[in-house]
Amino acid sequence: MPKSVHITAPWPTQEEMEKSLGISKTRKRALQPLVKRLKAELARIGETPAASIEPEKRRKRASAA
């Protein structure tokens, strides 16, 4: 089995990603509401305790599959 690799580089900032993907200012303004909504959704998911999620909707561990 191959050895696991741990990447220690920091996550790129939003500005760095926009620059590397070549996103124009117009496209950036169009995507901004989507980005805000996704960030809010991720924050909401992070606050939800696992016990409150219905068992059939919980993610299963890879080893249990």
C-alpha atoms as a PDB file:
ATOM      1  CA  MET A   1       0.000   0.000   0.000  1.00  0.00           C
ATOM      2  CA  PRO A   2       1.421   3.434  -0.921  1.00  0.00           C
ATOM      3  CA  LYS A   3       2.418   5.800   1.833  1.00  0.00           C
ATOM      4  CA  SER A   4       0.076   8.701   2.477  1.00  0.00           C
ATOM      5  CA  VAL A   5       1.183  12.191   1.581  1.00  0.00           C
ATOM      6  CA  HIS A   6       0.441  15.235   3.721  1.00  0.00           C
ATOM      7  CA  ILE A   7       0.361  18.528   1.864  1.00  0.00           C
ATOM      8  CA  THR A   8       1.355  21.348   4.173  1.00  0.00           C
ATOM      9  CA  ALA A   9       0.853  24.275   1.798  1.00  0.00           C
ATOM     10  CA  PRO A  10      -1.750  26.831   2.888  1.00  0.00           C
ATOM     11  CA  TRP A  11      -5.106  27.024   1.076  1.00  0.00           C
ATOM     12  CA  PRO A  12      -5.059  29.675  -1.662  1.00  0.00           C
ATOM     13  CA  THR A  13      -7.005  32.843  -0.980  1.00  0.00           C
ATOM     14  CA  GLN A  14     -10.051  33.751  -3.046  1.00  0.00           C
ATOM     15  CA  GLU A  15      -8.042  36.411  -4.866  1.00  0.00           C
ATOM     16  CA  GLU A  16      -5.268  33.918  -5.698  1.00  0.00           C
ATOM     17  CA  MET A  17      -7.816  31.457  -7.087  1.00  0.00           C
ATOM     18  CA  GLU A  18      -9.493  34.165  -9.184  1.00  0.00           C
ATOM     19  CA  LYS A  19      -6.147  35.172 -10.634  1.00  0.00           C
ATOM     20  CA  SER A  20      -5.028  31.600 -11.367  1.00  0.00           C
ATOM     21  CA  LEU A  21      -8.378  30.781 -13.028  1.00  0.00           C
ATOM     22  CA  GLY A  22      -8.401  34.019 -15.034  1.00  0.00           C
ATOM     23  CA  ILE A  23     -11.791  35.215 -13.777  1.00  0.00           C
ATOM     24  CA  SER A  24     -12.787  38.638 -15.072  1.00  0.00           C
ATOM     25  CA  LYS A  25     -14.249  41.362 -12.845  1.00  0.00           C
ATOM     26  CA  THR A  26     -17.655  40.942 -14.505  1.00  0.00           C
ATOM     27  CA  ARG A  27     -17.679  37.188 -13.917  1.00  0.00           C
ATOM     28  CA  LYS A  28     -16.439  37.745 -10.349  1.00  0.00           C
ATOM     29  CA  ARG A  29     -19.443  40.010  -9.631  1.00  0.00           C
ATOM     30  CA  ALA A  30     -21.780  37.385 -11.103  1.00  0.00           C
ATOM     31  CA  LEU A  31     -20.266  34.599  -8.983  1.00  0.00           C
ATOM     32  CA  GLN A  32     -20.178  36.577  -5.721  1.00  0.00           C
ATOM     33  CA  PRO A  33     -23.772  35.705  -4.601  1.00  0.00           C
ATOM     34  CA  LEU A  34     -23.072  32.016  -5.227  1.00  0.00           C
ATOM     35  CA  VAL A  35     -19.862  32.152  -3.198  1.00  0.00           C
ATOM     36  CA  LYS A  36     -21.638  33.882  -0.302  1.00  0.00           C
ATOM     37  CA  ARG A  37     -24.425  31.292  -0.338  1.00  0.00           C
ATOM     38  CA  LEU A  38     -21.952  28.383  -0.382  1.00  0.00           C
ATOM     39  CA  LYS A  39     -19.941  29.859   2.495  1.00  0.00           C
ATOM     40  CA  ALA A  40     -23.127  30.271   4.539  1.00  0.00           C
ATOM     41  CA  GLU A  41     -24.159  26.691   3.776  1.00  0.00           C
ATOM     42  CA  LEU A  42     -20.753  25.332   4.786  1.00  0.00           C
ATOM     43  CA  ALA A  43     -20.859  27.316   8.021  1.00  0.00           C
ATOM     44  CA  ARG A  44     -24.356  25.980   8.754  1.00  0.00           C
ATOM     45  CA  ILE A  45     -23.280  22.391   8.069  1.00  0.00           C
ATOM     46  CA  GLY A  46     -20.272  22.816  10.358  1.00  0.00           C
ATOM     47  CA  GLU A  47     -22.520  23.937  13.217  1.00  0.00           C
ATOM     48  CA  THR A  48     -24.874  20.932  12.961  1.00  0.00           C
ATOM     49  CA  PRO A  49     -23.960  18.211  15.462  1.00  0.00           C
ATOM     50  CA  ALA A  50     -23.776  14.734  13.930  1.00  0.00           C
ATOM     51  CA  ALA A  51     -26.291  13.381  16.440  1.00  0.00           C
ATOM     52  CA  SER A  52     -28.989  15.682  15.050  1.00  0.00           C
ATOM     53  CA  ILE A  53     -28.653  14.303  11.516  1.00  0.00           C
ATOM     54  CA  GLU A  54     -30.996  11.457  10.665  1.00  0.00           C
ATOM     55  CA  PRO A  55     -29.075   8.136  10.560  1.00  0.00           C
ATOM     56  CA  GLU A  56     -30.003   7.399   6.935  1.00  0.00           C
ATOM     57  CA  LYS A  57     -28.669  10.810   5.869  1.00  0.00           C
ATOM     58  CA  ARG A  58     -25.328  10.531   7.697  1.00  0.00           C
ATOM     59  CA  ARG A  59     -22.220   9.953   5.658  1.00  0.00           C
ATOM     60  CA  LYS A  60     -20.865   6.476   6.017  1.00  0.00           C
ATOM     61  CA  ARG A  61     -17.232   5.776   6.767  1.00  0.00           C
ATOM     62  CA  ALA A  62     -15.244   4.372   3.879  1.00  0.00           C
ATOM     63  CA  SER A  63     -14.265   1.373   6.015  1.00  0.00           C
ATOM     64  CA  ALA A  64     -17.950   0.600   6.752  1.00  0.00           C
ATOM     65  CA  ALA A  65     -18.949   0.560   3.070  1.00  0.00           C
END
